[in-house]
Amino acid sequence: MMDCDWMSEELVPTMLFTQYLSQCEGKMTNSVPLLAALVLSFLLGPLWRGIRGDGLAYGANIYVRSERRTITLSLYRCAQPVEAYERTKKIVNDVVNNGKVVESEFEAAKRSLICELMEREETVSGAGKLSIIGQLRGTPSDYRKQLCQRIWNASADDMIRLGGPRVANLFEAGFICKYARAIAVHPSKIAEIKSAFTNIEEAPVSSLNFNPPL
């Protein structure tokens, strides 16, 4: 769980830090201006280089869901799941503890994050949904404009100071009660996973099926 909401000072630095870590190849979009912006801001983040680049997993992402007040780490198609997790932990902690930020990657993270936010309202229906959601949340009518401005004006120091510790908490044993961990692996990897994560409970996929009452 994350201790900040839509209007919190810490939200933008946390979003920006996860974007800085996870940025990778720009995804395709129907909007030519947005596609151009994504291409211009294309850079590979630390997770992409350290995890995908070394063949530990096909993808590694950390992202914020402000409406759920959560920060999520996703490692998928892992050839070496334990090593991928430990490498991710090291990458995050190294950036937080050293405070070293590559300026070009930081600026690219700003641009790609703003592009992603704007892409959600590139259609009338998308903008309408966001307007309704804003009313329910009680946020200002120009909230997304304010959010983009805050992202643009954010500093690397703010990103590390305010966003870094919140993301690093994903790996802190003392915060185990504040997050959930789920791992889906081939049966041949179960012993390895249980050895690395000693408190994890094993459950077959069949037991997770929902059986509605008759």
N, C-alpha and C. Protein backbone atom coordinates (compact mmCIF):
# COMPACT_ATOMS: atom_id res chain seq x y z
N MET A 1 0.84 -1.19 0.00
CA MET A 1 0.00 0.00 0.00
C MET A 1 0.87 1.25 0.00
N MET A 2 0.36 2.31 -0.61
CA MET A 2 1.09 3.56 -0.71
C MET A 2 0.42 4.60 0.17
N ASP A 3 1.23 5.40 0.86
CA ASP A 3 0.68 6.35 1.82
C ASP A 3 0.40 7.73 1.22
N CYS A 4 0.05 7.79 -0.06
CA CYS A 4 -0.29 9.08 -0.66
C CYS A 4 -1.46 8.91 -1.63
N ASP A 5 -2.22 10.00 -1.78
CA ASP A 5 -3.38 9.95 -2.66
C ASP A 5 -3.17 10.88 -3.85
N TRP A 6 -4.27 11.22 -4.56
CA TRP A 6 -4.17 11.98 -5.81
C TRP A 6 -3.56 13.36 -5.63
N MET A 7 -3.75 13.97 -4.48
CA MET A 7 -3.29 15.34 -4.27
C MET A 7 -2.00 15.42 -3.45
N SER A 8 -1.46 14.30 -3.04
CA SER A 8 -0.28 14.30 -2.17
C SER A 8 0.96 14.81 -2.89
N GLU A 9 1.81 15.48 -2.14
CA GLU A 9 3.07 15.98 -2.68
C GLU A 9 3.96 14.83 -3.16
N GLU A 10 3.82 13.67 -2.53
CA GLU A 10 4.70 12.54 -2.84
C GLU A 10 4.28 11.76 -4.09
N LEU A 11 3.07 11.99 -4.60
CA LEU A 11 2.57 11.17 -5.70
C LEU A 11 3.43 11.30 -6.95
N VAL A 12 3.66 12.52 -7.40
CA VAL A 12 4.42 12.73 -8.64
C VAL A 12 5.84 12.19 -8.54
N PRO A 13 6.60 12.48 -7.47
CA PRO A 13 7.94 11.89 -7.38
C PRO A 13 7.93 10.36 -7.40
N THR A 14 6.90 9.76 -6.80
CA THR A 14 6.83 8.29 -6.79
C THR A 14 6.52 7.76 -8.19
N MET A 15 5.56 8.38 -8.87
CA MET A 15 5.25 7.99 -10.25
C MET A 15 6.46 8.16 -11.15
N LEU A 16 7.15 9.26 -10.97
CA LEU A 16 8.31 9.56 -11.81
C LEU A 16 9.46 8.57 -11.56
N PHE A 17 9.62 8.18 -10.30
CA PHE A 17 10.69 7.23 -9.98
C PHE A 17 10.41 5.87 -10.61
N THR A 18 9.17 5.42 -10.55
CA THR A 18 8.85 4.13 -11.18
C THR A 18 9.00 4.22 -12.70
N GLN A 19 8.65 5.36 -13.27
CA GLN A 19 8.82 5.55 -14.71
C GLN A 19 10.30 5.56 -15.09
N TYR A 20 11.10 6.22 -14.28
CA TYR A 20 12.54 6.29 -14.53
C TYR A 20 13.16 4.89 -14.51
N LEU A 21 12.74 4.08 -13.56
CA LEU A 21 13.28 2.73 -13.43
C LEU A 21 12.84 1.82 -14.57
N SER A 22 11.58 1.95 -14.98
CA SER A 22 10.96 0.94 -15.84
C SER A 22 10.87 1.31 -17.31
N GLN A 23 11.20 2.55 -17.67
CA GLN A 23 10.98 2.96 -19.06
C GLN A 23 11.73 2.04 -20.01
N CYS A 24 11.06 1.74 -21.12
CA CYS A 24 11.63 0.84 -22.11
C CYS A 24 11.14 1.26 -23.47
N GLU A 25 10.98 0.32 -24.38
CA GLU A 25 10.55 0.65 -25.72
C GLU A 25 9.18 1.29 -25.70
N GLY A 26 9.04 2.36 -26.48
CA GLY A 26 7.75 3.04 -26.58
C GLY A 26 6.71 2.14 -27.21
N LYS A 27 5.50 2.15 -26.66
CA LYS A 27 4.43 1.33 -27.22
C LYS A 27 3.76 2.07 -28.37
N MET A 28 3.13 1.34 -29.26
CA MET A 28 2.46 1.95 -30.40
C MET A 28 1.20 2.67 -29.96
N THR A 29 0.89 3.75 -30.65
CA THR A 29 -0.30 4.52 -30.36
C THR A 29 -0.89 5.04 -31.65
N ASN A 30 -2.18 5.31 -31.68
CA ASN A 30 -2.83 5.82 -32.87
C ASN A 30 -2.57 7.30 -33.09
N SER A 31 -2.04 7.97 -32.07
CA SER A 31 -1.80 9.40 -32.15
C SER A 31 -0.40 9.67 -32.68
N VAL A 32 -0.31 10.30 -33.85
CA VAL A 32 1.00 10.59 -34.45
C VAL A 32 1.85 11.50 -33.57
N PRO A 33 1.29 12.62 -33.02
CA PRO A 33 2.12 13.46 -32.15
C PRO A 33 2.63 12.72 -30.92
N LEU A 34 1.77 11.89 -30.32
CA LEU A 34 2.21 11.14 -29.15
C LEU A 34 3.27 10.12 -29.51
N LEU A 35 3.09 9.48 -30.68
CA LEU A 35 4.08 8.50 -31.12
C LEU A 35 5.43 9.18 -31.33
N ALA A 36 5.41 10.36 -31.94
CA ALA A 36 6.65 11.10 -32.16
C ALA A 36 7.32 11.46 -30.84
N ALA A 37 6.49 11.88 -29.87
CA ALA A 37 7.04 12.24 -28.56
C ALA A 37 7.65 11.04 -27.87
N LEU A 38 6.99 9.88 -27.99
CA LEU A 38 7.52 8.67 -27.36
C LEU A 38 8.82 8.23 -28.01
N VAL A 39 8.89 8.38 -29.34
CA VAL A 39 10.12 8.01 -30.03
C VAL A 39 11.26 8.93 -29.62
N LEU A 40 10.97 10.23 -29.51
CA LEU A 40 11.99 11.19 -29.13
C LEU A 40 12.46 10.98 -27.70
N SER A 41 11.56 10.48 -26.84
CA SER A 41 11.93 10.29 -25.43
C SER A 41 12.40 8.86 -25.14
N PHE A 42 12.61 8.07 -26.20
CA PHE A 42 12.94 6.66 -26.03
C PHE A 42 14.32 6.48 -25.39
N LEU A 43 14.33 5.86 -24.23
CA LEU A 43 15.56 5.46 -23.56
C LEU A 43 15.24 4.22 -22.73
N LEU A 44 16.25 3.45 -22.44
CA LEU A 44 16.06 2.25 -21.63
C LEU A 44 16.42 2.54 -20.19
N GLY A 45 15.51 2.19 -19.27
CA GLY A 45 15.73 2.44 -17.86
C GLY A 45 16.60 1.37 -17.21
N PRO A 46 16.97 1.58 -15.95
CA PRO A 46 17.84 0.64 -15.23
C PRO A 46 17.28 -0.78 -15.16
N LEU A 47 15.96 -0.92 -14.97
CA LEU A 47 15.39 -2.27 -14.87
C LEU A 47 15.48 -3.01 -16.20
N TRP A 48 15.19 -2.29 -17.28
CA TRP A 48 15.26 -2.93 -18.60
C TRP A 48 16.68 -3.43 -18.88
N ARG A 49 17.65 -2.60 -18.59
CA ARG A 49 19.04 -2.99 -18.85
C ARG A 49 19.49 -4.12 -17.92
N GLY A 50 19.13 -4.01 -16.64
CA GLY A 50 19.62 -4.98 -15.67
C GLY A 50 18.89 -6.30 -15.65
N ILE A 51 17.61 -6.29 -16.02
CA ILE A 51 16.80 -7.52 -15.97
C ILE A 51 16.64 -8.13 -17.37
N ARG A 52 16.01 -7.40 -18.26
CA ARG A 52 15.83 -7.91 -19.63
C ARG A 52 17.18 -8.03 -20.34
N GLY A 53 18.03 -7.03 -20.15
CA GLY A 53 19.32 -7.03 -20.84
C GLY A 53 20.19 -8.21 -20.47
N ASP A 54 20.08 -8.69 -19.23
CA ASP A 54 20.88 -9.84 -18.78
C ASP A 54 20.13 -11.16 -18.88
N GLY A 55 18.95 -11.13 -19.47
CA GLY A 55 18.21 -12.37 -19.71
C GLY A 55 17.57 -12.99 -18.49
N LEU A 56 17.39 -12.21 -17.41
CA LEU A 56 16.78 -12.76 -16.20
C LEU A 56 15.26 -12.86 -16.32
N ALA A 57 14.66 -11.99 -17.11
CA ALA A 57 13.21 -12.00 -17.31
C ALA A 57 12.90 -11.26 -18.60
N TYR A 58 11.75 -11.58 -19.17
CA TYR A 58 11.34 -10.89 -20.39
C TYR A 58 10.94 -9.46 -20.10
N GLY A 59 10.36 -9.23 -18.93
CA GLY A 59 9.94 -7.88 -18.58
C GLY A 59 10.01 -7.62 -17.09
N ALA A 60 10.29 -6.37 -16.74
CA ALA A 60 10.33 -5.95 -15.34
C ALA A 60 9.76 -4.54 -15.26
N ASN A 61 8.70 -4.38 -14.50
CA ASN A 61 8.05 -3.07 -14.39
C ASN A 61 7.66 -2.79 -12.95
N ILE A 62 7.77 -1.53 -12.58
CA ILE A 62 7.22 -1.05 -11.31
C ILE A 62 6.31 0.11 -11.67
N TYR A 63 5.08 0.07 -11.17
CA TYR A 63 4.14 1.13 -11.55
C TYR A 63 3.24 1.49 -10.39
N VAL A 64 2.72 2.71 -10.47
CA VAL A 64 1.85 3.27 -9.43
C VAL A 64 0.41 3.21 -9.90
N ARG A 65 -0.49 2.80 -9.02
CA ARG A 65 -1.93 2.88 -9.25
C ARG A 65 -2.49 3.79 -8.16
N SER A 66 -2.57 5.07 -8.48
CA SER A 66 -2.96 6.05 -7.45
C SER A 66 -4.38 5.82 -6.95
N GLU A 67 -5.28 5.34 -7.83
CA GLU A 67 -6.66 5.11 -7.40
C GLU A 67 -6.75 3.98 -6.39
N ARG A 68 -5.79 3.07 -6.41
CA ARG A 68 -5.74 1.97 -5.45
C ARG A 68 -4.73 2.22 -4.33
N ARG A 69 -3.99 3.29 -4.47
CA ARG A 69 -2.93 3.63 -3.51
C ARG A 69 -1.94 2.47 -3.39
N THR A 70 -1.52 1.96 -4.54
CA THR A 70 -0.59 0.84 -4.55
C THR A 70 0.61 1.12 -5.46
N ILE A 71 1.71 0.45 -5.14
CA ILE A 71 2.88 0.37 -6.01
C ILE A 71 3.08 -1.11 -6.31
N THR A 72 3.21 -1.45 -7.58
CA THR A 72 3.28 -2.85 -7.98
C THR A 72 4.58 -3.15 -8.71
N LEU A 73 5.21 -4.25 -8.33
CA LEU A 73 6.37 -4.78 -9.06
C LEU A 73 5.90 -5.98 -9.85
N SER A 74 6.16 -5.97 -11.14
CA SER A 74 5.77 -7.08 -12.01
C SER A 74 7.00 -7.63 -12.73
N LEU A 75 7.30 -8.89 -12.46
CA LEU A 75 8.35 -9.60 -13.18
C LEU A 75 7.68 -10.75 -13.92
N TYR A 76 7.81 -10.79 -15.22
CA TYR A 76 7.09 -11.83 -15.95
C TYR A 76 8.00 -12.54 -16.96
N ARG A 77 7.61 -13.80 -17.20
CA ARG A 77 8.37 -14.70 -18.07
C ARG A 77 9.83 -14.75 -17.61
N CYS A 78 9.99 -15.11 -16.34
CA CYS A 78 11.32 -15.13 -15.72
C CYS A 78 12.02 -16.47 -15.96
N ALA A 79 13.16 -16.44 -16.55
CA ALA A 79 13.98 -17.64 -16.64
C ALA A 79 14.61 -17.94 -15.29
N GLN A 80 14.92 -16.88 -14.55
CA GLN A 80 15.54 -17.00 -13.23
C GLN A 80 14.81 -16.07 -12.26
N PRO A 81 13.66 -16.49 -11.74
CA PRO A 81 12.81 -15.59 -10.95
C PRO A 81 13.47 -15.03 -9.69
N VAL A 82 14.19 -15.86 -8.95
CA VAL A 82 14.82 -15.38 -7.72
C VAL A 82 15.91 -14.37 -8.04
N GLU A 83 16.73 -14.68 -9.03
CA GLU A 83 17.79 -13.74 -9.41
C GLU A 83 17.19 -12.45 -9.96
N ALA A 84 16.09 -12.54 -10.69
CA ALA A 84 15.45 -11.34 -11.22
C ALA A 84 14.94 -10.46 -10.09
N TYR A 85 14.35 -11.08 -9.07
CA TYR A 85 13.85 -10.32 -7.92
C TYR A 85 15.00 -9.65 -7.17
N GLU A 86 16.05 -10.40 -6.90
CA GLU A 86 17.19 -9.85 -6.16
C GLU A 86 17.89 -8.75 -6.95
N ARG A 87 17.98 -8.91 -8.27
CA ARG A 87 18.60 -7.87 -9.08
C ARG A 87 17.74 -6.61 -9.08
N THR A 88 16.43 -6.78 -9.15
CA THR A 88 15.54 -5.62 -9.09
C THR A 88 15.71 -4.88 -7.77
N LYS A 89 15.76 -5.63 -6.69
CA LYS A 89 15.97 -5.03 -5.36
C LYS A 89 17.27 -4.24 -5.32
N LYS A 90 18.33 -4.81 -5.87
CA LYS A 90 19.63 -4.14 -5.86
C LYS A 90 19.60 -2.87 -6.71
N ILE A 91 18.97 -2.94 -7.87
CA ILE A 91 18.90 -1.77 -8.75
C ILE A 91 18.17 -0.62 -8.06
N VAL A 92 17.02 -0.93 -7.46
CA VAL A 92 16.23 0.10 -6.78
C VAL A 92 17.02 0.70 -5.62
N ASN A 93 17.57 -0.15 -4.79
CA ASN A 93 18.30 0.35 -3.61
C ASN A 93 19.56 1.12 -3.99
N ASP A 94 20.22 0.71 -5.07
CA ASP A 94 21.41 1.44 -5.52
C ASP A 94 21.06 2.86 -5.93
N VAL A 95 19.97 3.02 -6.67
CA VAL A 95 19.56 4.36 -7.10
C VAL A 95 19.15 5.20 -5.90
N VAL A 96 18.39 4.60 -4.98
CA VAL A 96 17.93 5.34 -3.80
C VAL A 96 19.10 5.75 -2.91
N ASN A 97 20.00 4.82 -2.65
CA ASN A 97 21.11 5.09 -1.72
C ASN A 97 22.19 5.97 -2.32
N ASN A 98 22.48 5.78 -3.61
CA ASN A 98 23.53 6.58 -4.25
C ASN A 98 23.03 7.94 -4.70
N GLY A 99 21.74 8.02 -4.99
CA GLY A 99 21.17 9.28 -5.46
C GLY A 99 21.66 9.70 -6.83
N LYS A 100 22.25 8.77 -7.58
CA LYS A 100 22.77 9.10 -8.91
C LYS A 100 21.69 8.88 -9.96
N VAL A 101 21.37 9.95 -10.67
CA VAL A 101 20.33 9.90 -11.70
C VAL A 101 20.93 10.36 -13.02
N VAL A 102 20.72 9.58 -14.07
CA VAL A 102 21.17 9.97 -15.40
C VAL A 102 20.20 11.01 -15.93
N GLU A 103 20.70 12.22 -16.17
CA GLU A 103 19.82 13.34 -16.51
C GLU A 103 18.99 13.07 -17.76
N SER A 104 19.60 12.49 -18.79
CA SER A 104 18.86 12.23 -20.03
C SER A 104 17.74 11.22 -19.79
N GLU A 105 17.97 10.22 -18.95
CA GLU A 105 16.94 9.22 -18.66
C GLU A 105 15.85 9.83 -17.78
N PHE A 106 16.23 10.73 -16.89
CA PHE A 106 15.25 11.41 -16.04
C PHE A 106 14.32 12.27 -16.89
N GLU A 107 14.89 13.03 -17.83
CA GLU A 107 14.07 13.87 -18.71
C GLU A 107 13.19 13.01 -19.62
N ALA A 108 13.73 11.88 -20.07
CA ALA A 108 12.93 10.97 -20.89
C ALA A 108 11.76 10.39 -20.09
N ALA A 109 12.00 10.09 -18.82
CA ALA A 109 10.93 9.57 -17.96
C ALA A 109 9.81 10.59 -17.80
N LYS A 110 10.16 11.86 -17.65
CA LYS A 110 9.15 12.91 -17.56
C LYS A 110 8.27 12.92 -18.81
N ARG A 111 8.92 12.92 -19.96
CA ARG A 111 8.18 13.02 -21.22
C ARG A 111 7.31 11.80 -21.48
N SER A 112 7.84 10.62 -21.23
CA SER A 112 7.05 9.42 -21.48
C SER A 112 5.88 9.30 -20.51
N LEU A 113 6.07 9.74 -19.26
CA LEU A 113 4.98 9.69 -18.28
C LEU A 113 3.87 10.66 -18.67
N ILE A 114 4.23 11.86 -19.09
CA ILE A 114 3.23 12.83 -19.54
C ILE A 114 2.50 12.31 -20.77
N CYS A 115 3.22 11.70 -21.70
CA CYS A 115 2.59 11.13 -22.89
C CYS A 115 1.57 10.06 -22.52
N GLU A 116 1.92 9.21 -21.57
CA GLU A 116 1.00 8.16 -21.14
C GLU A 116 -0.26 8.75 -20.52
N LEU A 117 -0.11 9.80 -19.72
CA LEU A 117 -1.27 10.44 -19.10
C LEU A 117 -2.16 11.08 -20.15
N MET A 118 -1.56 11.75 -21.12
CA MET A 118 -2.34 12.44 -22.15
C MET A 118 -3.01 11.45 -23.10
N GLU A 119 -2.38 10.32 -23.31
CA GLU A 119 -2.94 9.32 -24.21
C GLU A 119 -4.28 8.80 -23.72
N ARG A 120 -4.50 8.85 -22.41
CA ARG A 120 -5.75 8.35 -21.84
C ARG A 120 -6.94 9.24 -22.16
N GLU A 121 -6.68 10.47 -22.60
CA GLU A 121 -7.79 11.35 -22.95
C GLU A 121 -7.69 11.84 -24.39
N GLU A 122 -7.16 10.99 -25.27
CA GLU A 122 -7.02 11.38 -26.67
C GLU A 122 -8.33 11.20 -27.44
N THR A 123 -9.31 10.54 -26.84
CA THR A 123 -10.62 10.40 -27.47
C THR A 123 -11.68 11.07 -26.60
N VAL A 124 -12.83 11.35 -27.20
CA VAL A 124 -13.93 11.98 -26.45
C VAL A 124 -14.39 11.07 -25.32
N SER A 125 -14.51 9.77 -25.61
CA SER A 125 -14.97 8.85 -24.56
C SER A 125 -13.95 8.76 -23.43
N GLY A 126 -12.67 8.73 -23.78
CA GLY A 126 -11.64 8.67 -22.75
C GLY A 126 -11.63 9.90 -21.87
N ALA A 127 -11.76 11.07 -22.50
CA ALA A 127 -11.79 12.32 -21.73
C ALA A 127 -13.04 12.38 -20.85
N GLY A 128 -14.17 11.87 -21.39
CA GLY A 128 -15.41 11.87 -20.61
C GLY A 128 -15.32 10.99 -19.38
N LYS A 129 -14.73 9.81 -19.54
CA LYS A 129 -14.57 8.91 -18.39
C LYS A 129 -13.69 9.54 -17.31
N LEU A 130 -12.60 10.17 -17.74
CA LEU A 130 -11.70 10.80 -16.77
C LEU A 130 -12.37 11.96 -16.06
N SER A 131 -13.24 12.67 -16.78
CA SER A 131 -13.97 13.78 -16.16
C SER A 131 -14.92 13.27 -15.07
N ILE A 132 -15.62 12.18 -15.36
CA ILE A 132 -16.53 11.58 -14.38
C ILE A 132 -15.75 11.08 -13.17
N ILE A 133 -14.64 10.41 -13.43
CA ILE A 133 -13.81 9.91 -12.33
C ILE A 133 -13.31 11.06 -11.47
N GLY A 134 -12.93 12.17 -12.12
CA GLY A 134 -12.47 13.34 -11.38
C GLY A 134 -13.54 13.90 -10.47
N GLN A 135 -14.79 13.90 -10.95
CA GLN A 135 -15.90 14.37 -10.13
C GLN A 135 -16.08 13.49 -8.90
N LEU A 136 -15.98 12.18 -9.10
CA LEU A 136 -16.14 11.25 -7.98
C LEU A 136 -15.01 11.39 -6.97
N ARG A 137 -13.82 11.69 -7.46
CA ARG A 137 -12.67 11.84 -6.56
C ARG A 137 -12.65 13.19 -5.87
N GLY A 138 -13.34 14.15 -6.45
CA GLY A 138 -13.32 15.49 -5.89
C GLY A 138 -12.07 16.27 -6.25
N THR A 139 -11.43 15.90 -7.37
CA THR A 139 -10.24 16.61 -7.82
C THR A 139 -10.63 17.79 -8.69
N PRO A 140 -9.77 18.81 -8.83
CA PRO A 140 -10.07 19.97 -9.66
C PRO A 140 -10.30 19.57 -11.12
N SER A 141 -11.05 20.40 -11.85
CA SER A 141 -11.36 20.08 -13.25
C SER A 141 -10.11 20.03 -14.12
N ASP A 142 -9.09 20.79 -13.74
CA ASP A 142 -7.83 20.78 -14.50
C ASP A 142 -6.76 19.94 -13.80
N TYR A 143 -7.20 18.93 -13.09
CA TYR A 143 -6.26 18.13 -12.29
C TYR A 143 -5.16 17.52 -13.14
N ARG A 144 -5.51 16.94 -14.28
CA ARG A 144 -4.51 16.26 -15.10
C ARG A 144 -3.51 17.27 -15.68
N LYS A 145 -3.99 18.47 -15.97
CA LYS A 145 -3.08 19.51 -16.42
C LYS A 145 -2.11 19.88 -15.30
N GLN A 146 -2.65 20.00 -14.08
CA GLN A 146 -1.79 20.28 -12.93
C GLN A 146 -0.78 19.15 -12.71
N LEU A 147 -1.26 17.91 -12.87
CA LEU A 147 -0.40 16.75 -12.66
C LEU A 147 0.77 16.77 -13.65
N CYS A 148 0.47 17.05 -14.91
CA CYS A 148 1.52 17.11 -15.93
C CYS A 148 2.51 18.24 -15.64
N GLN A 149 1.99 19.37 -15.17
CA GLN A 149 2.86 20.49 -14.83
C GLN A 149 3.79 20.13 -13.67
N ARG A 150 3.24 19.41 -12.70
CA ARG A 150 4.06 18.98 -11.56
C ARG A 150 5.14 18.00 -12.00
N ILE A 151 4.79 17.12 -12.93
CA ILE A 151 5.78 16.18 -13.46
C ILE A 151 6.90 16.95 -14.17
N TRP A 152 6.50 17.92 -15.00
CA TRP A 152 7.47 18.69 -15.78
C TRP A 152 8.42 19.48 -14.88
N ASN A 153 7.89 19.98 -13.76
CA ASN A 153 8.69 20.82 -12.87
C ASN A 153 9.45 20.03 -11.80
N ALA A 154 9.20 18.73 -11.72
CA ALA A 154 9.83 17.92 -10.67
C ALA A 154 11.35 17.84 -10.88
N SER A 155 12.06 17.75 -9.78
CA SER A 155 13.52 17.63 -9.84
C SER A 155 13.94 16.20 -9.53
N ALA A 156 15.14 15.86 -9.96
CA ALA A 156 15.67 14.53 -9.68
C ALA A 156 15.83 14.31 -8.18
N ASP A 157 16.20 15.37 -7.47
CA ASP A 157 16.35 15.27 -6.01
C ASP A 157 15.02 14.93 -5.34
N ASP A 158 13.94 15.59 -5.78
CA ASP A 158 12.61 15.30 -5.23
C ASP A 158 12.21 13.85 -5.53
N MET A 159 12.53 13.40 -6.74
CA MET A 159 12.18 12.04 -7.13
C MET A 159 12.84 11.02 -6.20
N ILE A 160 14.12 11.22 -5.92
CA ILE A 160 14.84 10.29 -5.05
C ILE A 160 14.39 10.42 -3.60
N ARG A 161 14.24 11.66 -3.14
CA ARG A 161 13.94 11.91 -1.72
C ARG A 161 12.53 11.47 -1.36
N LEU A 162 11.55 11.78 -2.21
CA LEU A 162 10.15 11.49 -1.88
C LEU A 162 9.65 10.18 -2.48
N GLY A 163 10.10 9.87 -3.68
CA GLY A 163 9.61 8.66 -4.34
C GLY A 163 10.43 7.42 -4.05
N GLY A 164 11.74 7.61 -3.90
CA GLY A 164 12.64 6.47 -3.71
C GLY A 164 12.29 5.56 -2.54
N PRO A 165 12.14 6.11 -1.33
CA PRO A 165 11.86 5.25 -0.17
C PRO A 165 10.55 4.47 -0.31
N ARG A 166 9.56 5.05 -0.96
CA ARG A 166 8.27 4.36 -1.10
C ARG A 166 8.39 3.15 -2.02
N VAL A 167 9.18 3.28 -3.06
CA VAL A 167 9.40 2.14 -3.95
C VAL A 167 10.30 1.10 -3.27
N ALA A 168 11.32 1.56 -2.56
CA ALA A 168 12.23 0.64 -1.87
C ALA A 168 11.51 -0.19 -0.82
N ASN A 169 10.40 0.32 -0.29
CA ASN A 169 9.64 -0.42 0.72
C ASN A 169 9.10 -1.75 0.19
N LEU A 170 9.03 -1.88 -1.14
CA LEU A 170 8.58 -3.15 -1.73
C LEU A 170 9.46 -4.32 -1.30
N PHE A 171 10.69 -4.01 -0.94
CA PHE A 171 11.65 -5.08 -0.64
C PHE A 171 12.01 -5.16 0.83
N GLU A 172 11.36 -4.35 1.67
CA GLU A 172 11.68 -4.32 3.09
C GLU A 172 10.87 -5.38 3.84
N ALA A 173 11.56 -6.22 4.58
CA ALA A 173 10.87 -7.28 5.33
C ALA A 173 9.90 -6.71 6.35
N GLY A 174 10.22 -5.55 6.90
CA GLY A 174 9.36 -4.94 7.91
C GLY A 174 8.03 -4.45 7.37
N PHE A 175 7.92 -4.38 6.02
CA PHE A 175 6.68 -3.91 5.40
C PHE A 175 5.86 -5.06 4.84
N ILE A 176 6.21 -6.29 5.23
CA ILE A 176 5.52 -7.46 4.69
C ILE A 176 4.02 -7.40 4.92
N CYS A 177 3.60 -6.77 6.02
CA CYS A 177 2.17 -6.70 6.31
C CYS A 177 1.46 -5.68 5.42
N LYS A 178 2.23 -4.90 4.65
CA LYS A 178 1.63 -3.85 3.83
C LYS A 178 1.64 -4.19 2.34
N TYR A 179 2.12 -5.37 1.99
CA TYR A 179 2.08 -5.75 0.59
C TYR A 179 1.79 -7.23 0.45
N ALA A 180 1.36 -7.60 -0.74
CA ALA A 180 1.07 -9.00 -1.05
C ALA A 180 2.03 -9.45 -2.14
N ARG A 181 2.46 -10.70 -2.05
CA ARG A 181 3.37 -11.25 -3.06
C ARG A 181 2.73 -12.49 -3.66
N ALA A 182 2.71 -12.56 -4.97
CA ALA A 182 2.18 -13.74 -5.66
C ALA A 182 3.15 -14.13 -6.77
N ILE A 183 3.45 -15.42 -6.85
CA ILE A 183 4.40 -15.92 -7.84
C ILE A 183 3.79 -17.13 -8.52
N ALA A 184 3.74 -17.11 -9.84
CA ALA A 184 3.25 -18.25 -10.61
C ALA A 184 4.43 -18.84 -11.38
N VAL A 185 4.76 -20.10 -11.10
CA VAL A 185 5.93 -20.72 -11.72
C VAL A 185 5.62 -22.16 -12.14
N HIS A 186 6.50 -22.69 -12.96
CA HIS A 186 6.44 -24.10 -13.33
C HIS A 186 6.76 -24.93 -12.08
N PRO A 187 6.15 -26.11 -11.95
CA PRO A 187 6.41 -26.96 -10.77
C PRO A 187 7.89 -27.20 -10.49
N SER A 188 8.72 -27.19 -11.53
CA SER A 188 10.15 -27.43 -11.33
C SER A 188 10.84 -26.30 -10.58
N LYS A 189 10.18 -25.14 -10.48
CA LYS A 189 10.76 -23.98 -9.81
C LYS A 189 10.25 -23.80 -8.38
N ILE A 190 9.33 -24.64 -7.94
CA ILE A 190 8.70 -24.44 -6.64
C ILE A 190 9.70 -24.50 -5.49
N ALA A 191 10.58 -25.49 -5.51
CA ALA A 191 11.56 -25.63 -4.42
C ALA A 191 12.46 -24.40 -4.34
N GLU A 192 12.86 -23.89 -5.47
CA GLU A 192 13.72 -22.69 -5.52
C GLU A 192 13.00 -21.49 -4.93
N ILE A 193 11.73 -21.33 -5.29
CA ILE A 193 10.94 -20.19 -4.80
C ILE A 193 10.72 -20.29 -3.29
N LYS A 194 10.38 -21.48 -2.80
CA LYS A 194 10.12 -21.66 -1.37
C LYS A 194 11.39 -21.47 -0.55
N SER A 195 12.53 -21.77 -1.13
CA SER A 195 13.79 -21.57 -0.44
C SER A 195 14.13 -20.08 -0.33
N ALA A 196 13.81 -19.32 -1.38
CA ALA A 196 14.12 -17.89 -1.39
C ALA A 196 13.13 -17.07 -0.58
N PHE A 197 11.85 -17.47 -0.63
CA PHE A 197 10.80 -16.74 0.09
C PHE A 197 10.19 -17.71 1.11
N THR A 198 10.78 -17.74 2.27
CA THR A 198 10.49 -18.80 3.25
C THR A 198 9.06 -18.78 3.78
N ASN A 199 8.40 -17.64 3.77
CA ASN A 199 7.05 -17.57 4.33
C ASN A 199 5.95 -17.74 3.29
N ILE A 200 6.34 -18.01 2.06
CA ILE A 200 5.34 -18.10 1.00
C ILE A 200 4.56 -19.41 1.12
N GLU A 201 3.28 -19.36 0.76
CA GLU A 201 2.43 -20.54 0.81
C GLU A 201 2.20 -21.07 -0.60
N GLU A 202 2.28 -22.37 -0.73
CA GLU A 202 2.08 -23.00 -2.04
C GLU A 202 0.61 -23.34 -2.25
N ALA A 203 0.11 -23.04 -3.44
CA ALA A 203 -1.28 -23.35 -3.77
C ALA A 203 -1.37 -23.72 -5.24
N PRO A 204 -2.01 -24.84 -5.57
CA PRO A 204 -2.17 -25.20 -6.99
C PRO A 204 -3.13 -24.24 -7.68
N VAL A 205 -2.94 -24.06 -8.96
CA VAL A 205 -3.79 -23.13 -9.72
C VAL A 205 -5.25 -23.53 -9.62
N SER A 206 -5.52 -24.83 -9.59
CA SER A 206 -6.91 -25.30 -9.54
C SER A 206 -7.64 -24.81 -8.30
N SER A 207 -6.90 -24.57 -7.21
CA SER A 207 -7.54 -24.12 -5.97
C SER A 207 -7.93 -22.66 -6.02
N LEU A 208 -7.45 -21.95 -7.04
CA LEU A 208 -7.75 -20.52 -7.16
C LEU A 208 -8.99 -20.26 -7.99
N ASN A 209 -9.57 -21.30 -8.56
CA ASN A 209 -10.77 -21.13 -9.37
C ASN A 209 -11.94 -20.68 -8.52
N PHE A 210 -12.75 -19.81 -9.09
CA PHE A 210 -13.95 -19.35 -8.39
C PHE A 210 -15.14 -20.20 -8.80
N ASN A 211 -15.76 -20.81 -7.82
CA ASN A 211 -16.94 -21.63 -8.08
C ASN A 211 -18.17 -20.92 -7.53
N PRO A 212 -18.96 -20.31 -8.40
CA PRO A 212 -20.14 -19.57 -7.92
C PRO A 212 -21.16 -20.52 -7.32
N PRO A 213 -21.90 -20.05 -6.33
CA PRO A 213 -22.94 -20.90 -5.72
C PRO A 213 -24.04 -21.21 -6.71
N LEU A 214 -24.58 -22.39 -6.61
CA LEU A 214 -25.66 -22.81 -7.53
C LEU A 214 -26.98 -22.17 -7.13
